[in-house]
Amino acid sequence: MINGFSVYRRNFGHWDISSQEYGRMFRLRGGPGQWDVIDERKGKGQNSTMPPPFKDQSAAMAYICAELMHELLTVEGQEPHVMASWNINFTHARDGMGPSYS
């Protein structure tokens, strides 16, 4: 999670999502029916386009907000639930921040 981010419209159909700390993190490009999200975060597949394109601009922004606002919280005194990593596709090949297996 980051402390804050801003959304700037450069032109019609061209939006940038950035923060003071990290600079530009996402680009949102497109128009009605096809919005491409380009992830520019370091270590996260820099300049990769999220497949498939989003049909709606608000869905694309919801994805970006979910990526930037994720908080891993647990209640004081509560034991965290741990899940085996094979249950999800979080690997280095799919996500540069994921674990790499030999």
C-alpha atoms as a PDB file:
ATOM      1  CA  MET A   1       0.000   0.000   0.000  1.00  0.00           C
ATOM      2  CA  ILE A   2       1.186   3.513  -0.723  1.00  0.00           C
ATOM      3  CA  ASN A   3       0.405   6.691   1.210  1.00  0.00           C
ATOM      4  CA  GLY A   4      -1.452   8.405  -1.599  1.00  0.00           C
ATOM      5  CA  PHE A   5      -1.900   8.646  -5.336  1.00  0.00           C
ATOM      6  CA  SER A   6      -3.375  11.045  -7.856  1.00  0.00           C
ATOM      7  CA  VAL A   7      -5.231  10.627 -11.127  1.00  0.00           C
ATOM      8  CA  TYR A   8      -4.433  13.047 -13.947  1.00  0.00           C
ATOM      9  CA  ARG A   9      -6.117  13.370 -17.312  1.00  0.00           C
ATOM     10  CA  ARG A  10      -3.497  14.134 -19.960  1.00  0.00           C
ATOM     11  CA  ASN A  11      -5.886  14.072 -22.935  1.00  0.00           C
ATOM     12  CA  PHE A  12      -9.210  12.499 -23.768  1.00  0.00           C
ATOM     13  CA  GLY A  13      -8.753   8.771 -23.157  1.00  0.00           C
ATOM     14  CA  HIS A  14      -5.294   9.265 -21.598  1.00  0.00           C
ATOM     15  CA  TRP A  15      -5.063   9.080 -17.787  1.00  0.00           C
ATOM     16  CA  ASP A  16      -2.008   8.745 -15.531  1.00  0.00           C
ATOM     17  CA  ILE A  17      -2.032   7.436 -11.965  1.00  0.00           C
ATOM     18  CA  SER A  18       0.992   8.564  -9.946  1.00  0.00           C
ATOM     19  CA  SER A  19       2.318   9.377  -6.493  1.00  0.00           C
ATOM     20  CA  GLN A  20       4.958  11.776  -5.208  1.00  0.00           C
ATOM     21  CA  GLU A  21       6.939   8.852  -3.816  1.00  0.00           C
ATOM     22  CA  TYR A  22       6.934   6.551  -6.889  1.00  0.00           C
ATOM     23  CA  GLY A  23       6.106   8.784  -9.867  1.00  0.00           C
ATOM     24  CA  ARG A  24       3.810   7.391 -12.563  1.00  0.00           C
ATOM     25  CA  MET A  25       2.609   3.898 -11.622  1.00  0.00           C
ATOM     26  CA  PHE A  26      -0.190   3.195 -14.106  1.00  0.00           C
ATOM     27  CA  ARG A  27      -1.378   4.487 -17.446  1.00  0.00           C
ATOM     28  CA  LEU A  28      -5.015   4.146 -18.455  1.00  0.00           C
ATOM     29  CA  ARG A  29      -5.573   4.414 -22.197  1.00  0.00           C
ATOM     30  CA  GLY A  30      -8.596   3.864 -24.375  1.00  0.00           C
ATOM     31  CA  GLY A  31     -12.172   4.790 -24.968  1.00  0.00           C
ATOM     32  CA  PRO A  32     -15.687   3.338 -24.824  1.00  0.00           C
ATOM     33  CA  GLY A  33     -15.558  -0.448 -24.818  1.00  0.00           C
ATOM     34  CA  GLN A  34     -11.780  -0.866 -24.465  1.00  0.00           C
ATOM     35  CA  TRP A  35      -9.599   0.497 -21.668  1.00  0.00           C
ATOM     36  CA  ASP A  36      -6.001  -0.700 -21.361  1.00  0.00           C
ATOM     37  CA  VAL A  37      -4.231  -0.574 -17.988  1.00  0.00           C
ATOM     38  CA  ILE A  38      -0.453  -0.327 -18.322  1.00  0.00           C
ATOM     39  CA  ASP A  39       1.397  -1.160 -15.094  1.00  0.00           C
ATOM     40  CA  GLU A  40       4.591   0.901 -14.778  1.00  0.00           C
ATOM     41  CA  ARG A  41       5.539  -0.066 -11.220  1.00  0.00           C
ATOM     42  CA  LYS A  42       9.105  -1.259 -10.770  1.00  0.00           C
ATOM     43  CA  GLY A  43       9.305  -4.998 -10.071  1.00  0.00           C
ATOM     44  CA  LYS A  44       5.742  -5.571 -11.276  1.00  0.00           C
ATOM     45  CA  GLY A  45       6.297  -6.237 -14.962  1.00  0.00           C
ATOM     46  CA  GLN A  46       7.098  -2.660 -15.871  1.00  0.00           C
ATOM     47  CA  ASN A  47       5.149  -1.391 -18.900  1.00  0.00           C
ATOM     48  CA  SER A  48       3.001  -4.526 -19.064  1.00  0.00           C
ATOM     49  CA  THR A  49      -0.582  -4.273 -20.302  1.00  0.00           C
ATOM     50  CA  MET A  50      -3.167  -6.109 -18.248  1.00  0.00           C
ATOM     51  CA  PRO A  51      -4.978  -8.661 -20.430  1.00  0.00           C
ATOM     52  CA  PRO A  52      -7.742  -8.455 -21.468  1.00  0.00           C
ATOM     53  CA  PRO A  53      -8.712  -4.781 -21.818  1.00  0.00           C
ATOM     54  CA  PHE A  54     -11.483  -3.537 -19.532  1.00  0.00           C
ATOM     55  CA  LYS A  55     -14.823  -2.724 -21.175  1.00  0.00           C
ATOM     56  CA  ASP A  56     -15.530   0.080 -18.742  1.00  0.00           C
ATOM     57  CA  GLN A  57     -13.307   2.891 -17.464  1.00  0.00           C
ATOM     58  CA  SER A  58     -14.655   2.527 -13.915  1.00  0.00           C
ATOM     59  CA  ALA A  59     -13.749  -1.200 -13.876  1.00  0.00           C
ATOM     60  CA  ALA A  60     -10.199  -0.337 -14.952  1.00  0.00           C
ATOM     61  CA  MET A  61      -9.944   2.267 -12.180  1.00  0.00           C
ATOM     62  CA  ALA A  62     -11.373  -0.200  -9.640  1.00  0.00           C
ATOM     63  CA  TYR A  63      -8.573  -2.617 -10.567  1.00  0.00           C
ATOM     64  CA  ILE A  64      -5.926   0.106 -10.168  1.00  0.00           C
ATOM     65  CA  CYS A  65      -7.351   1.252  -6.826  1.00  0.00           C
ATOM     66  CA  ALA A  66      -7.463  -2.336  -5.549  1.00  0.00           C
ATOM     67  CA  GLU A  67      -3.786  -2.757  -6.481  1.00  0.00           C
ATOM     68  CA  LEU A  68      -2.718   0.460  -4.763  1.00  0.00           C
ATOM     69  CA  MET A  69      -4.968   0.338  -1.697  1.00  0.00           C
ATOM     70  CA  HIS A  70      -4.490  -3.290  -0.629  1.00  0.00           C
ATOM     71  CA  GLU A  71      -3.951  -3.642   3.129  1.00  0.00           C
ATOM     72  CA  LEU A  72      -3.024  -6.891   4.817  1.00  0.00           C
ATOM     73  CA  LEU A  73      -4.666  -6.523   8.217  1.00  0.00           C
ATOM     74  CA  THR A  74      -5.286  -8.785  11.168  1.00  0.00           C
ATOM     75  CA  VAL A  75      -7.117  -7.997  14.393  1.00  0.00           C
ATOM     76  CA  GLU A  76      -4.998  -7.772  17.550  1.00  0.00           C
ATOM     77  CA  GLY A  77      -5.004 -11.136  19.308  1.00  0.00           C
ATOM     78  CA  GLN A  78      -6.307 -12.976  16.240  1.00  0.00           C
ATOM     79  CA  GLU A  79      -4.120 -15.650  14.662  1.00  0.00           C
ATOM     80  CA  PRO A  80      -3.636 -15.036  10.934  1.00  0.00           C
ATOM     81  CA  HIS A  81      -4.899 -17.676   8.516  1.00  0.00           C
ATOM     82  CA  VAL A  82      -2.161 -18.916   6.220  1.00  0.00           C
ATOM     83  CA  MET A  83      -2.884 -20.445   2.836  1.00  0.00           C
ATOM     84  CA  ALA A  84      -0.585 -22.780   0.897  1.00  0.00           C
ATOM     85  CA  SER A  85       1.027 -20.902  -2.014  1.00  0.00           C
ATOM     86  CA  TRP A  86       0.027 -23.559  -4.561  1.00  0.00           C
ATOM     87  CA  ASN A  87      -3.615 -22.440  -4.114  1.00  0.00           C
ATOM     88  CA  ILE A  88      -2.984 -19.284  -6.115  1.00  0.00           C
ATOM     89  CA  ASN A  89      -0.997 -18.456  -9.232  1.00  0.00           C
ATOM     90  CA  PHE A  90       1.486 -16.157  -7.451  1.00  0.00           C
ATOM     91  CA  THR A  91       4.750 -17.193  -9.063  1.00  0.00           C
ATOM     92  CA  HIS A  92       7.785 -15.265 -10.269  1.00  0.00           C
ATOM     93  CA  ALA A  93       6.906 -16.089 -13.879  1.00  0.00           C
ATOM     94  CA  ARG A  94       3.491 -14.412 -13.551  1.00  0.00           C
ATOM     95  CA  ASP A  95       4.476 -11.641 -11.105  1.00  0.00           C
ATOM     96  CA  GLY A  96       8.033 -10.375 -10.665  1.00  0.00           C
ATOM     97  CA  MET A  97       7.410  -9.991  -6.919  1.00  0.00           C
ATOM     98  CA  GLY A  98       6.291 -13.624  -6.571  1.00  0.00           C
ATOM     99  CA  PRO A  99       8.415 -16.513  -5.369  1.00  0.00           C
ATOM    100  CA  SER A 100      10.690 -18.308  -7.832  1.00  0.00           C
ATOM    101  CA  TYR A 101      10.928 -22.079  -7.541  1.00  0.00           C
ATOM    102  CA  SER A 102      13.948 -24.037  -8.736  1.00  0.00           C
END
